[in-house]
Amino acid sequence: MESRTQSTRTSPAGNARAGWAVAFALLSVATMPAAIVGTRFARAYRLLDAGYAIPLALLLGVGALVLARSARQRDERALGRLGGSRAIRLGRVLGTIGVCLAVTALISVSVYALLQYLAGRG
């Protein structure tokens, strides 16, 4: 016969880190487009000022990747009972896209700054 505590035992709460990985990844992917759109509506800022959002996008993307990896390891230690494998995969994919967008923006701003510097010298 089961005792009262065994019959009322609940399932694990889930893998919250997987959800946080998706949230960070979505913010990372949205950071650069939001910064660019923001420069269109604020007259005080130029398009290049959106480059100040690059570190934020990069940190959010890397944070999403770290959280997804941590969530995956936590799920493996629990023998797959925590779930969240789709969220982990989505966080990893979107986090990678966010990092790629930030690196692409960094390269773009760097090349533009180099061209401006070379044009000013000649």
PDB file of N, CA and C in Angstrom:
ATOM      1  N   MET A   1       0.829  -1.173   0.000  1.00  0.00           N
ATOM      2  CA  MET A   1       0.000   0.000   0.000  1.00  0.00           C
ATOM      3  C   MET A   1       0.881   1.247   0.000  1.00  0.00           C
ATOM      4  N   GLU A   2       0.532   2.216  -0.861  1.00  0.00           N
ATOM      5  CA  GLU A   2       1.325   3.446  -0.956  1.00  0.00           C
ATOM      6  C   GLU A   2       0.990   4.367   0.197  1.00  0.00           C
ATOM      7  N   SER A   3       2.021   5.044   0.661  1.00  0.00           N
ATOM      8  CA  SER A   3       1.765   6.034   1.699  1.00  0.00           C
ATOM      9  C   SER A   3       1.224   7.309   1.056  1.00  0.00           C
ATOM     10  N   ARG A   4       0.705   8.165   1.861  1.00  0.00           N
ATOM     11  CA  ARG A   4       0.097   9.405   1.366  1.00  0.00           C
ATOM     12  C   ARG A   4       1.125  10.287   0.658  1.00  0.00           C
ATOM     13  N   THR A   5       2.359  10.333   1.125  1.00  0.00           N
ATOM     14  CA  THR A   5       3.362  11.201   0.526  1.00  0.00           C
ATOM     15  C   THR A   5       3.778  10.698  -0.846  1.00  0.00           C
ATOM     16  N   GLN A   6       3.788   9.409  -1.058  1.00  0.00           N
ATOM     17  CA  GLN A   6       4.180   8.885  -2.359  1.00  0.00           C
ATOM     18  C   GLN A   6       3.099   9.099  -3.407  1.00  0.00           C
ATOM     19  N   SER A   7       1.841   9.031  -3.018  1.00  0.00           N
ATOM     20  CA  SER A   7       0.770   9.170  -3.998  1.00  0.00           C
ATOM     21  C   SER A   7       0.552  10.630  -4.410  1.00  0.00           C
ATOM     22  N   THR A   8       0.940  11.587  -3.564  1.00  0.00           N
ATOM     23  CA  THR A   8       0.749  12.991  -3.908  1.00  0.00           C
ATOM     24  C   THR A   8       2.017  13.631  -4.471  1.00  0.00           C
ATOM     25  N   ARG A   9       3.015  12.851  -4.728  1.00  0.00           N
ATOM     26  CA  ARG A   9       4.268  13.384  -5.264  1.00  0.00           C
ATOM     27  C   ARG A   9       4.011  13.969  -6.654  1.00  0.00           C
ATOM     28  N   THR A  10       4.518  15.153  -6.892  1.00  0.00           N
ATOM     29  CA  THR A  10       4.316  15.810  -8.178  1.00  0.00           C
ATOM     30  C   THR A  10       5.479  15.522  -9.104  1.00  0.00           C
ATOM     31  N   SER A  11       5.252  15.787 -10.375  1.00  0.00           N
ATOM     32  CA  SER A  11       6.310  15.611 -11.360  1.00  0.00           C
ATOM     33  C   SER A  11       7.312  16.754 -11.225  1.00  0.00           C
ATOM     34  N   PRO A  12       8.499  16.600 -11.793  1.00  0.00           N
ATOM     35  CA  PRO A  12       9.480  17.675 -11.709  1.00  0.00           C
ATOM     36  C   PRO A  12       8.937  18.968 -12.318  1.00  0.00           C
ATOM     37  N   ALA A  13       9.430  20.063 -11.824  1.00  0.00           N
ATOM     38  CA  ALA A  13       8.934  21.376 -12.246  1.00  0.00           C
ATOM     39  C   ALA A  13       9.269  21.687 -13.693  1.00  0.00           C
ATOM     40  N   GLY A  14      10.140  20.973 -14.290  1.00  0.00           N
ATOM     41  CA  GLY A  14      10.533  21.242 -15.664  1.00  0.00           C
ATOM     42  C   GLY A  14      11.911  21.873 -15.714  1.00  0.00           C
ATOM     43  N   ASN A  15      12.297  22.223 -16.897  1.00  0.00           N
ATOM     44  CA  ASN A  15      13.620  22.766 -17.120  1.00  0.00           C
ATOM     45  C   ASN A  15      13.495  24.255 -17.424  1.00  0.00           C
ATOM     46  N   ALA A  16      13.486  25.067 -16.378  1.00  0.00           N
ATOM     47  CA  ALA A  16      13.291  26.510 -16.531  1.00  0.00           C
ATOM     48  C   ALA A  16      14.410  27.148 -17.343  1.00  0.00           C
ATOM     49  N   ARG A  17      15.598  26.592 -17.280  1.00  0.00           N
ATOM     50  CA  ARG A  17      16.720  27.163 -18.032  1.00  0.00           C
ATOM     51  C   ARG A  17      16.474  27.105 -19.536  1.00  0.00           C
ATOM     52  N   ALA A  18      15.738  26.112 -19.978  1.00  0.00           N
ATOM     53  CA  ALA A  18      15.405  26.021 -21.402  1.00  0.00           C
ATOM     54  C   ALA A  18      14.527  27.196 -21.810  1.00  0.00           C
ATOM     55  N   GLY A  19      13.573  27.532 -20.980  1.00  0.00           N
ATOM     56  CA  GLY A  19      12.717  28.681 -21.262  1.00  0.00           C
ATOM     57  C   GLY A  19      13.489  29.988 -21.246  1.00  0.00           C
ATOM     58  N   TRP A  20      14.401  30.120 -20.294  1.00  0.00           N
ATOM     59  CA  TRP A  20      15.231  31.326 -20.240  1.00  0.00           C
ATOM     60  C   TRP A  20      16.153  31.410 -21.451  1.00  0.00           C
ATOM     61  N   ALA A  21      16.629  30.259 -21.920  1.00  0.00           N
ATOM     62  CA  ALA A  21      17.477  30.254 -23.120  1.00  0.00           C
ATOM     63  C   ALA A  21      16.704  30.790 -24.322  1.00  0.00           C
ATOM     64  N   VAL A  22      15.460  30.383 -24.459  1.00  0.00           N
ATOM     65  CA  VAL A  22      14.635  30.880 -25.563  1.00  0.00           C
ATOM     66  C   VAL A  22      14.377  32.374 -25.414  1.00  0.00           C
ATOM     67  N   ALA A  23      14.092  32.822 -24.196  1.00  0.00           N
ATOM     68  CA  ALA A  23      13.832  34.249 -23.962  1.00  0.00           C
ATOM     69  C   ALA A  23      15.063  35.089 -24.294  1.00  0.00           C
ATOM     70  N   PHE A  24      16.236  34.674 -23.822  1.00  0.00           N
ATOM     71  CA  PHE A  24      17.476  35.392 -24.117  1.00  0.00           C
ATOM     72  C   PHE A  24      17.754  35.375 -25.614  1.00  0.00           C
ATOM     73  N   ALA A  25      17.513  34.241 -26.251  1.00  0.00           N
ATOM     74  CA  ALA A  25      17.783  34.120 -27.686  1.00  0.00           C
ATOM     75  C   ALA A  25      16.863  35.036 -28.492  1.00  0.00           C
ATOM     76  N   LEU A  26      15.590  35.081 -28.133  1.00  0.00           N
ATOM     77  CA  LEU A  26      14.670  35.974 -28.837  1.00  0.00           C
ATOM     78  C   LEU A  26      15.073  37.437 -28.666  1.00  0.00           C
ATOM     79  N   LEU A  27      15.477  37.805 -27.462  1.00  0.00           N
ATOM     80  CA  LEU A  27      15.943  39.169 -27.236  1.00  0.00           C
ATOM     81  C   LEU A  27      17.207  39.460 -28.037  1.00  0.00           C
ATOM     82  N   SER A  28      18.083  38.480 -28.128  1.00  0.00           N
ATOM     83  CA  SER A  28      19.318  38.653 -28.896  1.00  0.00           C
ATOM     84  C   SER A  28      19.028  38.874 -30.373  1.00  0.00           C
ATOM     85  N   VAL A  29      18.120  38.074 -30.916  1.00  0.00           N
ATOM     86  CA  VAL A  29      17.774  38.200 -32.332  1.00  0.00           C
ATOM     87  C   VAL A  29      17.070  39.533 -32.599  1.00  0.00           C
ATOM     88  N   ALA A  30      16.285  40.010 -31.644  1.00  0.00           N
ATOM     89  CA  ALA A  30      15.509  41.230 -31.847  1.00  0.00           C
ATOM     90  C   ALA A  30      16.301  42.510 -31.560  1.00  0.00           C
ATOM     91  N   THR A  31      17.439  42.405 -30.894  1.00  0.00           N
ATOM     92  CA  THR A  31      18.171  43.594 -30.462  1.00  0.00           C
ATOM     93  C   THR A  31      18.644  44.452 -31.621  1.00  0.00           C
ATOM     94  N   MET A  32      19.328  43.886 -32.581  1.00  0.00           N
ATOM     95  CA  MET A  32      19.872  44.682 -33.685  1.00  0.00           C
ATOM     96  C   MET A  32      18.772  45.282 -34.564  1.00  0.00           C
ATOM     97  N   PRO A  33      17.773  44.513 -34.983  1.00  0.00           N
ATOM     98  CA  PRO A  33      16.700  45.141 -35.761  1.00  0.00           C
ATOM     99  C   PRO A  33      15.978  46.243 -34.980  1.00  0.00           C
ATOM    100  N   ALA A  34      15.766  46.039 -33.691  1.00  0.00           N
ATOM    101  CA  ALA A  34      15.101  47.059 -32.885  1.00  0.00           C
ATOM    102  C   ALA A  34      15.954  48.322 -32.785  1.00  0.00           C
ATOM    103  N   ALA A  35      17.262  48.162 -32.655  1.00  0.00           N
ATOM    104  CA  ALA A  35      18.150  49.327 -32.589  1.00  0.00           C
ATOM    105  C   ALA A  35      18.153  50.079 -33.913  1.00  0.00           C
ATOM    106  N   ILE A  36      18.132  49.344 -35.007  1.00  0.00           N
ATOM    107  CA  ILE A  36      18.119  49.990 -36.324  1.00  0.00           C
ATOM    108  C   ILE A  36      16.804  50.732 -36.545  1.00  0.00           C
ATOM    109  N   VAL A  37      15.693  50.096 -36.209  1.00  0.00           N
ATOM    110  CA  VAL A  37      14.393  50.749 -36.355  1.00  0.00           C
ATOM    111  C   VAL A  37      14.311  51.954 -35.424  1.00  0.00           C
ATOM    112  N   GLY A  38      14.896  51.840 -34.240  1.00  0.00           N
ATOM    113  CA  GLY A  38      14.886  52.951 -33.294  1.00  0.00           C
ATOM    114  C   GLY A  38      15.588  54.185 -33.828  1.00  0.00           C
ATOM    115  N   THR A  39      16.619  53.990 -34.626  1.00  0.00           N
ATOM    116  CA  THR A  39      17.319  55.148 -35.200  1.00  0.00           C
ATOM    117  C   THR A  39      16.473  55.841 -36.266  1.00  0.00           C
ATOM    118  N   ARG A  40      15.536  55.140 -36.840  1.00  0.00           N
ATOM    119  CA  ARG A  40      14.668  55.753 -37.854  1.00  0.00           C
ATOM    120  C   ARG A  40      13.682  56.738 -37.236  1.00  0.00           C
ATOM    121  N   PHE A  41      13.311  56.506 -35.971  1.00  0.00           N
ATOM    122  CA  PHE A  41      12.309  57.343 -35.319  1.00  0.00           C
ATOM    123  C   PHE A  41      12.908  58.390 -34.393  1.00  0.00           C
ATOM    124  N   ALA A  42      14.161  58.272 -34.064  1.00  0.00           N
ATOM    125  CA  ALA A  42      14.819  59.256 -33.194  1.00  0.00           C
ATOM    126  C   ALA A  42      15.752  60.108 -34.044  1.00  0.00           C
ATOM    127  N   ARG A  43      15.446  61.359 -34.147  1.00  0.00           N
ATOM    128  CA  ARG A  43      16.240  62.246 -34.998  1.00  0.00           C
ATOM    129  C   ARG A  43      17.638  62.502 -34.427  1.00  0.00           C
ATOM    130  N   ALA A  44      17.816  62.300 -33.144  1.00  0.00           N
ATOM    131  CA  ALA A  44      19.109  62.562 -32.511  1.00  0.00           C
ATOM    132  C   ALA A  44      20.131  61.463 -32.806  1.00  0.00           C
ATOM    133  N   TYR A  45      19.681  60.333 -33.328  1.00  0.00           N
ATOM    134  CA  TYR A  45      20.586  59.208 -33.566  1.00  0.00           C
ATOM    135  C   TYR A  45      20.703  58.919 -35.054  1.00  0.00           C
ATOM    136  N   ARG A  46      21.914  58.536 -35.441  1.00  0.00           N
ATOM    137  CA  ARG A  46      22.163  58.109 -36.813  1.00  0.00           C
ATOM    138  C   ARG A  46      22.144  56.582 -36.852  1.00  0.00           C
ATOM    139  N   LEU A  47      22.166  56.052 -38.045  1.00  0.00           N
ATOM    140  CA  LEU A  47      22.143  54.597 -38.199  1.00  0.00           C
ATOM    141  C   LEU A  47      23.339  53.940 -37.516  1.00  0.00           C
ATOM    142  N   LEU A  48      24.498  54.583 -37.590  1.00  0.00           N
ATOM    143  CA  LEU A  48      25.683  54.005 -36.952  1.00  0.00           C
ATOM    144  C   LEU A  48      25.556  53.931 -35.435  1.00  0.00           C
ATOM    145  N   ASP A  49      24.702  54.757 -34.854  1.00  0.00           N
ATOM    146  CA  ASP A  49      24.501  54.710 -33.407  1.00  0.00           C
ATOM    147  C   ASP A  49      23.836  53.403 -32.971  1.00  0.00           C
ATOM    148  N   ALA A  50      23.223  52.699 -33.895  1.00  0.00           N
ATOM    149  CA  ALA A  50      22.658  51.381 -33.577  1.00  0.00           C
ATOM    150  C   ALA A  50      23.766  50.389 -33.228  1.00  0.00           C
ATOM    151  N   GLY A  51      24.984  50.702 -33.608  1.00  0.00           N
ATOM    152  CA  GLY A  51      26.125  49.843 -33.288  1.00  0.00           C
ATOM    153  C   GLY A  51      26.370  49.697 -31.796  1.00  0.00           C
ATOM    154  N   TYR A  52      25.852  50.632 -31.000  1.00  0.00           N
ATOM    155  CA  TYR A  52      26.013  50.519 -29.547  1.00  0.00           C
ATOM    156  C   TYR A  52      25.219  49.347 -28.977  1.00  0.00           C
ATOM    157  N   ALA A  53      24.303  48.804 -29.751  1.00  0.00           N
ATOM    158  CA  ALA A  53      23.518  47.647 -29.300  1.00  0.00           C
ATOM    159  C   ALA A  53      24.235  46.326 -29.580  1.00  0.00           C
ATOM    160  N   ILE A  54      25.341  46.377 -30.303  1.00  0.00           N
ATOM    161  CA  ILE A  54      26.051  45.143 -30.654  1.00  0.00           C
ATOM    162  C   ILE A  54      26.487  44.359 -29.418  1.00  0.00           C
ATOM    163  N   PRO A  55      27.125  44.989 -28.415  1.00  0.00           N
ATOM    164  CA  PRO A  55      27.529  44.202 -27.233  1.00  0.00           C
ATOM    165  C   PRO A  55      26.347  43.555 -26.521  1.00  0.00           C
ATOM    166  N   LEU A  56      25.218  44.261 -26.456  1.00  0.00           N
ATOM    167  CA  LEU A  56      24.029  43.693 -25.804  1.00  0.00           C
ATOM    168  C   LEU A  56      23.534  42.465 -26.558  1.00  0.00           C
ATOM    169  N   ALA A  57      23.454  42.568 -27.887  1.00  0.00           N
ATOM    170  CA  ALA A  57      23.006  41.429 -28.693  1.00  0.00           C
ATOM    171  C   ALA A  57      23.958  40.253 -28.534  1.00  0.00           C
ATOM    172  N   LEU A  58      25.253  40.545 -28.505  1.00  0.00           N
ATOM    173  CA  LEU A  58      26.250  39.486 -28.355  1.00  0.00           C
ATOM    174  C   LEU A  58      26.142  38.815 -26.988  1.00  0.00           C
ATOM    175  N   LEU A  59      26.004  39.614 -25.940  1.00  0.00           N
ATOM    176  CA  LEU A  59      25.876  39.044 -24.593  1.00  0.00           C
ATOM    177  C   LEU A  59      24.604  38.216 -24.438  1.00  0.00           C
ATOM    178  N   LEU A  60      23.505  38.703 -24.980  1.00  0.00           N
ATOM    179  CA  LEU A  60      22.258  37.942 -24.903  1.00  0.00           C
ATOM    180  C   LEU A  60      22.358  36.629 -25.676  1.00  0.00           C
ATOM    181  N   GLY A  61      22.985  36.663 -26.856  1.00  0.00           N
ATOM    182  CA  GLY A  61      23.151  35.443 -27.642  1.00  0.00           C
ATOM    183  C   GLY A  61      24.036  34.424 -26.955  1.00  0.00           C
ATOM    184  N   VAL A  62      25.155  34.885 -26.409  1.00  0.00           N
ATOM    185  CA  VAL A  62      26.050  33.971 -25.685  1.00  0.00           C
ATOM    186  C   VAL A  62      25.362  33.457 -24.431  1.00  0.00           C
ATOM    187  N   GLY A  63      24.619  34.334 -23.752  1.00  0.00           N
ATOM    188  CA  GLY A  63      23.863  33.900 -22.574  1.00  0.00           C
ATOM    189  C   GLY A  63      22.844  32.822 -22.913  1.00  0.00           C
ATOM    190  N   ALA A  64      22.186  32.965 -24.063  1.00  0.00           N
ATOM    191  CA  ALA A  64      21.222  31.954 -24.504  1.00  0.00           C
ATOM    192  C   ALA A  64      21.917  30.623 -24.765  1.00  0.00           C
ATOM    193  N   LEU A  65      23.088  30.686 -25.387  1.00  0.00           N
ATOM    194  CA  LEU A  65      23.827  29.449 -25.663  1.00  0.00           C
ATOM    195  C   LEU A  65      24.286  28.777 -24.371  1.00  0.00           C
ATOM    196  N   VAL A  66      24.739  29.566 -23.411  1.00  0.00           N
ATOM    197  CA  VAL A  66      25.169  29.014 -22.122  1.00  0.00           C
ATOM    198  C   VAL A  66      23.985  28.397 -21.385  1.00  0.00           C
ATOM    199  N   LEU A  67      22.852  29.098 -21.388  1.00  0.00           N
ATOM    200  CA  LEU A  67      21.665  28.557 -20.725  1.00  0.00           C
ATOM    201  C   LEU A  67      21.159  27.288 -21.405  1.00  0.00           C
ATOM    202  N   ALA A  68      21.195  27.253 -22.729  1.00  0.00           N
ATOM    203  CA  ALA A  68      20.751  26.055 -23.447  1.00  0.00           C
ATOM    204  C   ALA A  68      21.658  24.876 -23.126  1.00  0.00           C
ATOM    205  N   ARG A  69      22.950  25.131 -23.063  1.00  0.00           N
ATOM    206  CA  ARG A  69      23.891  24.044 -22.732  1.00  0.00           C
ATOM    207  C   ARG A  69      23.657  23.557 -21.306  1.00  0.00           C
ATOM    208  N   SER A  70      23.451  24.493 -20.393  1.00  0.00           N
ATOM    209  CA  SER A  70      23.188  24.128 -19.005  1.00  0.00           C
ATOM    210  C   SER A  70      21.880  23.343 -18.881  1.00  0.00           C
ATOM    211  N   ALA A  71      20.867  23.765 -19.632  1.00  0.00           N
ATOM    212  CA  ALA A  71      19.584  23.062 -19.601  1.00  0.00           C
ATOM    213  C   ALA A  71      19.727  21.651 -20.149  1.00  0.00           C
ATOM    214  N   ARG A  72      20.510  21.507 -21.221  1.00  0.00           N
ATOM    215  CA  ARG A  72      20.733  20.178 -21.803  1.00  0.00           C
ATOM    216  C   ARG A  72      21.448  19.264 -20.801  1.00  0.00           C
ATOM    217  N   GLN A  73      22.487  19.773 -20.149  1.00  0.00           N
ATOM    218  CA  GLN A  73      23.219  18.974 -19.164  1.00  0.00           C
ATOM    219  C   GLN A  73      22.331  18.605 -17.988  1.00  0.00           C
ATOM    220  N   ARG A  74      21.511  19.541 -17.560  1.00  0.00           N
ATOM    221  CA  ARG A  74      20.599  19.285 -16.439  1.00  0.00           C
ATOM    222  C   ARG A  74      19.575  18.210 -16.805  1.00  0.00           C
ATOM    223  N   ASP A  75      19.078  18.259 -18.033  1.00  0.00           N
ATOM    224  CA  ASP A  75      18.120  17.256 -18.500  1.00  0.00           C
ATOM    225  C   ASP A  75      18.779  15.886 -18.617  1.00  0.00           C
ATOM    226  N   GLU A  76      20.023  15.871 -19.078  1.00  0.00           N
ATOM    227  CA  GLU A  76      20.735  14.589 -19.191  1.00  0.00           C
ATOM    228  C   GLU A  76      20.982  13.975 -17.817  1.00  0.00           C
ATOM    229  N   ARG A  77      21.315  14.818 -16.833  1.00  0.00           N
ATOM    230  CA  ARG A  77      21.527  14.296 -15.472  1.00  0.00           C
ATOM    231  C   ARG A  77      20.229  13.731 -14.888  1.00  0.00           C
ATOM    232  N   ALA A  78      19.095  14.282 -15.311  1.00  0.00           N
ATOM    233  CA  ALA A  78      17.796  13.795 -14.833  1.00  0.00           C
ATOM    234  C   ALA A  78      17.249  12.693 -15.733  1.00  0.00           C
ATOM    235  N   LEU A  79      18.073  12.180 -16.618  1.00  0.00           N
ATOM    236  CA  LEU A  79      17.716  11.090 -17.526  1.00  0.00           C
ATOM    237  C   LEU A  79      16.546  11.460 -18.434  1.00  0.00           C
ATOM    238  N   GLY A  80      16.486  12.714 -18.841  1.00  0.00           N
ATOM    239  CA  GLY A  80      15.472  13.158 -19.787  1.00  0.00           C
ATOM    240  C   GLY A  80      14.114  13.423 -19.198  1.00  0.00           C
ATOM    241  N   ARG A  81      13.976  13.387 -17.885  1.00  0.00           N
ATOM    242  CA  ARG A  81      12.667  13.568 -17.265  1.00  0.00           C
ATOM    243  C   ARG A  81      12.258  15.024 -17.135  1.00  0.00           C
ATOM    244  N   LEU A  82      13.196  15.950 -17.266  1.00  0.00           N
ATOM    245  CA  LEU A  82      12.846  17.366 -17.118  1.00  0.00           C
ATOM    246  C   LEU A  82      12.176  17.917 -18.356  1.00  0.00           C
ATOM    247  N   GLY A  83      12.475  17.354 -19.489  1.00  0.00           N
ATOM    248  CA  GLY A  83      11.865  17.818 -20.731  1.00  0.00           C
ATOM    249  C   GLY A  83      12.498  19.101 -21.226  1.00  0.00           C
ATOM    250  N   GLY A  84      11.824  19.721 -22.155  1.00  0.00           N
ATOM    251  CA  GLY A  84      12.306  20.979 -22.697  1.00  0.00           C
ATOM    252  C   GLY A  84      13.295  20.823 -23.837  1.00  0.00           C
ATOM    253  N   SER A  85      13.334  19.656 -24.463  1.00  0.00           N
ATOM    254  CA  SER A  85      14.323  19.452 -25.528  1.00  0.00           C
ATOM    255  C   SER A  85      14.052  20.365 -26.730  1.00  0.00           C
ATOM    256  N   ARG A  86      12.796  20.618 -27.033  1.00  0.00           N
ATOM    257  CA  ARG A  86      12.481  21.546 -28.136  1.00  0.00           C
ATOM    258  C   ARG A  86      12.906  22.966 -27.786  1.00  0.00           C
ATOM    259  N   ALA A  87      12.639  23.371 -26.559  1.00  0.00           N
ATOM    260  CA  ALA A  87      13.028  24.711 -26.123  1.00  0.00           C
ATOM    261  C   ALA A  87      14.547  24.845 -26.104  1.00  0.00           C
ATOM    262  N   ILE A  88      15.237  23.809 -25.695  1.00  0.00           N
ATOM    263  CA  ILE A  88      16.699  23.827 -25.694  1.00  0.00           C
ATOM    264  C   ILE A  88      17.212  23.993 -27.115  1.00  0.00           C
ATOM    265  N   ARG A  89      16.653  23.235 -28.024  1.00  0.00           N
ATOM    266  CA  ARG A  89      17.080  23.308 -29.427  1.00  0.00           C
ATOM    267  C   ARG A  89      16.766  24.694 -30.014  1.00  0.00           C
ATOM    268  N   LEU A  90      15.577  25.202 -29.726  1.00  0.00           N
ATOM    269  CA  LEU A  90      15.188  26.525 -30.216  1.00  0.00           C
ATOM    270  C   LEU A  90      16.091  27.612 -29.636  1.00  0.00           C
ATOM    271  N   GLY A  91      16.394  27.519 -28.351  1.00  0.00           N
ATOM    272  CA  GLY A  91      17.298  28.483 -27.718  1.00  0.00           C
ATOM    273  C   GLY A  91      18.681  28.445 -28.325  1.00  0.00           C
ATOM    274  N   ARG A  92      19.144  27.245 -28.647  1.00  0.00           N
ATOM    275  CA  ARG A  92      20.472  27.108 -29.251  1.00  0.00           C
ATOM    276  C   ARG A  92      20.497  27.682 -30.666  1.00  0.00           C
ATOM    277  N   VAL A  93      19.476  27.391 -31.446  1.00  0.00           N
ATOM    278  CA  VAL A  93      19.431  27.878 -32.828  1.00  0.00           C
ATOM    279  C   VAL A  93      19.275  29.397 -32.861  1.00  0.00           C
ATOM    280  N   LEU A  94      18.319  29.929 -32.092  1.00  0.00           N
ATOM    281  CA  LEU A  94      18.108  31.370 -32.078  1.00  0.00           C
ATOM    282  C   LEU A  94      19.285  32.104 -31.434  1.00  0.00           C
ATOM    283  N   GLY A  95      19.903  31.506 -30.424  1.00  0.00           N
ATOM    284  CA  GLY A  95      21.086  32.106 -29.815  1.00  0.00           C
ATOM    285  C   GLY A  95      22.231  32.205 -30.806  1.00  0.00           C
ATOM    286  N   THR A  96      22.400  31.172 -31.611  1.00  0.00           N
ATOM    287  CA  THR A  96      23.429  31.193 -32.646  1.00  0.00           C
ATOM    288  C   THR A  96      23.125  32.262 -33.691  1.00  0.00           C
ATOM    289  N   ILE A  97      21.867  32.377 -34.071  1.00  0.00           N
ATOM    290  CA  ILE A  97      21.476  33.414 -35.031  1.00  0.00           C
ATOM    291  C   ILE A  97      21.729  34.803 -34.437  1.00  0.00           C
ATOM    292  N   GLY A  98      21.412  34.989 -33.167  1.00  0.00           N
ATOM    293  CA  GLY A  98      21.648  36.269 -32.508  1.00  0.00           C
ATOM    294  C   GLY A  98      23.127  36.633 -32.470  1.00  0.00           C
ATOM    295  N   VAL A  99      23.969  35.652 -32.163  1.00  0.00           N
ATOM    296  CA  VAL A  99      25.418  35.894 -32.161  1.00  0.00           C
ATOM    297  C   VAL A  99      25.888  36.230 -33.573  1.00  0.00           C
ATOM    298  N   CYS A 100      25.394  35.504 -34.559  1.00  0.00           N
ATOM    299  CA  CYS A 100      25.782  35.774 -35.949  1.00  0.00           C
ATOM    300  C   CYS A 100      25.352  37.165 -36.394  1.00  0.00           C
ATOM    301  N   LEU A 101      24.143  37.600 -36.006  1.00  0.00           N
ATOM    302  CA  LEU A 101      23.695  38.949 -36.338  1.00  0.00           C
ATOM    303  C   LEU A 101      24.582  40.004 -35.683  1.00  0.00           C
ATOM    304  N   ALA A 102      24.962  39.770 -34.434  1.00  0.00           N
ATOM    305  CA  ALA A 102      25.820  40.729 -33.730  1.00  0.00           C
ATOM    306  C   ALA A 102      27.206  40.795 -34.365  1.00  0.00           C
ATOM    307  N   VAL A 103      27.756  39.639 -34.721  1.00  0.00           N
ATOM    308  CA  VAL A 103      29.080  39.617 -35.356  1.00  0.00           C
ATOM    309  C   VAL A 103      29.017  40.269 -36.732  1.00  0.00           C
ATOM    310  N   THR A 104      27.950  40.020 -37.468  1.00  0.00           N
ATOM    311  CA  THR A 104      27.786  40.652 -38.778  1.00  0.00           C
ATOM    312  C   THR A 104      27.697  42.165 -38.638  1.00  0.00           C
ATOM    313  N   ALA A 105      26.944  42.640 -37.650  1.00  0.00           N
ATOM    314  CA  ALA A 105      26.845  44.078 -37.419  1.00  0.00           C
ATOM    315  C   ALA A 105      28.193  44.656 -37.005  1.00  0.00           C
ATOM    316  N   LEU A 106      28.938  43.920 -36.202  1.00  0.00           N
ATOM    317  CA  LEU A 106      30.262  44.366 -35.785  1.00  0.00           C
ATOM    318  C   LEU A 106      31.207  44.501 -36.973  1.00  0.00           C
ATOM    319  N   ILE A 107      31.175  43.525 -37.853  1.00  0.00           N
ATOM    320  CA  ILE A 107      32.019  43.577 -39.053  1.00  0.00           C
ATOM    321  C   ILE A 107      31.594  44.756 -39.931  1.00  0.00           C
ATOM    322  N   SER A 108      30.305  44.957 -40.092  1.00  0.00           N
ATOM    323  CA  SER A 108      29.806  46.059 -40.926  1.00  0.00           C
ATOM    324  C   SER A 108      30.241  47.415 -40.390  1.00  0.00           C
ATOM    325  N   VAL A 109      30.070  47.616 -39.101  1.00  0.00           N
ATOM    326  CA  VAL A 109      30.445  48.892 -38.498  1.00  0.00           C
ATOM    327  C   VAL A 109      31.962  49.081 -38.563  1.00  0.00           C
ATOM    328  N   SER A 110      32.717  48.016 -38.368  1.00  0.00           N
ATOM    329  CA  SER A 110      34.180  48.098 -38.417  1.00  0.00           C
ATOM    330  C   SER A 110      34.663  48.458 -39.816  1.00  0.00           C
ATOM    331  N   VAL A 111      34.099  47.828 -40.830  1.00  0.00           N
ATOM    332  CA  VAL A 111      34.491  48.134 -42.210  1.00  0.00           C
ATOM    333  C   VAL A 111      34.121  49.577 -42.549  1.00  0.00           C
ATOM    334  N   TYR A 112      32.949  50.021 -42.123  1.00  0.00           N
ATOM    335  CA  TYR A 112      32.539  51.395 -42.384  1.00  0.00           C
ATOM    336  C   TYR A 112      33.495  52.380 -41.705  1.00  0.00           C
ATOM    337  N   ALA A 113      33.859  52.106 -40.453  1.00  0.00           N
ATOM    338  CA  ALA A 113      34.780  52.988 -39.739  1.00  0.00           C
ATOM    339  C   ALA A 113      36.146  53.013 -40.422  1.00  0.00           C
ATOM    340  N   LEU A 114      36.613  51.864 -40.886  1.00  0.00           N
ATOM    341  CA  LEU A 114      37.886  51.805 -41.600  1.00  0.00           C
ATOM    342  C   LEU A 114      37.816  52.617 -42.890  1.00  0.00           C
ATOM    343  N   LEU A 115      36.740  52.487 -43.630  1.00  0.00           N
ATOM    344  CA  LEU A 115      36.591  53.255 -44.868  1.00  0.00           C
ATOM    345  C   LEU A 115      36.527  54.757 -44.596  1.00  0.00           C
ATOM    346  N   GLN A 116      35.846  55.144 -43.538  1.00  0.00           N
ATOM    347  CA  GLN A 116      35.789  56.551 -43.157  1.00  0.00           C
ATOM    348  C   GLN A 116      37.178  57.067 -42.780  1.00  0.00           C
ATOM    349  N   TYR A 117      37.925  56.263 -42.068  1.00  0.00           N
ATOM    350  CA  TYR A 117      39.279  56.644 -41.673  1.00  0.00           C
ATOM    351  C   TYR A 117      40.171  56.801 -42.890  1.00  0.00           C
ATOM    352  N   LEU A 118      40.101  55.829 -43.802  1.00  0.00           N
ATOM    353  CA  LEU A 118      40.936  55.904 -45.012  1.00  0.00           C
ATOM    354  C   LEU A 118      40.534  57.065 -45.914  1.00  0.00           C
ATOM    355  N   ALA A 119      39.251  57.381 -45.977  1.00  0.00           N
ATOM    356  CA  ALA A 119      38.782  58.504 -46.796  1.00  0.00           C
ATOM    357  C   ALA A 119      39.250  59.829 -46.202  1.00  0.00           C
ATOM    358  N   GLY A 120      39.338  59.909 -44.887  1.00  0.00           N
ATOM    359  CA  GLY A 120      39.788  61.136 -44.238  1.00  0.00           C
ATOM    360  C   GLY A 120      41.277  61.380 -44.384  1.00  0.00           C
ATOM    361  N   ARG A 121      42.037  60.329 -44.596  1.00  0.00           N
ATOM    362  CA  ARG A 121      43.491  60.460 -44.745  1.00  0.00           C
ATOM    363  C   ARG A 121      43.878  60.950 -46.127  1.00  0.00           C
ATOM    364  N   GLY A 122      43.049  60.659 -47.124  1.00  0.00           N
ATOM    365  CA  GLY A 122      43.447  60.929 -48.508  1.00  0.00           C
ATOM    366  C   GLY A 122      42.886  62.127 -49.083  1.00  0.00           C
TER     367      GLY A 122
END
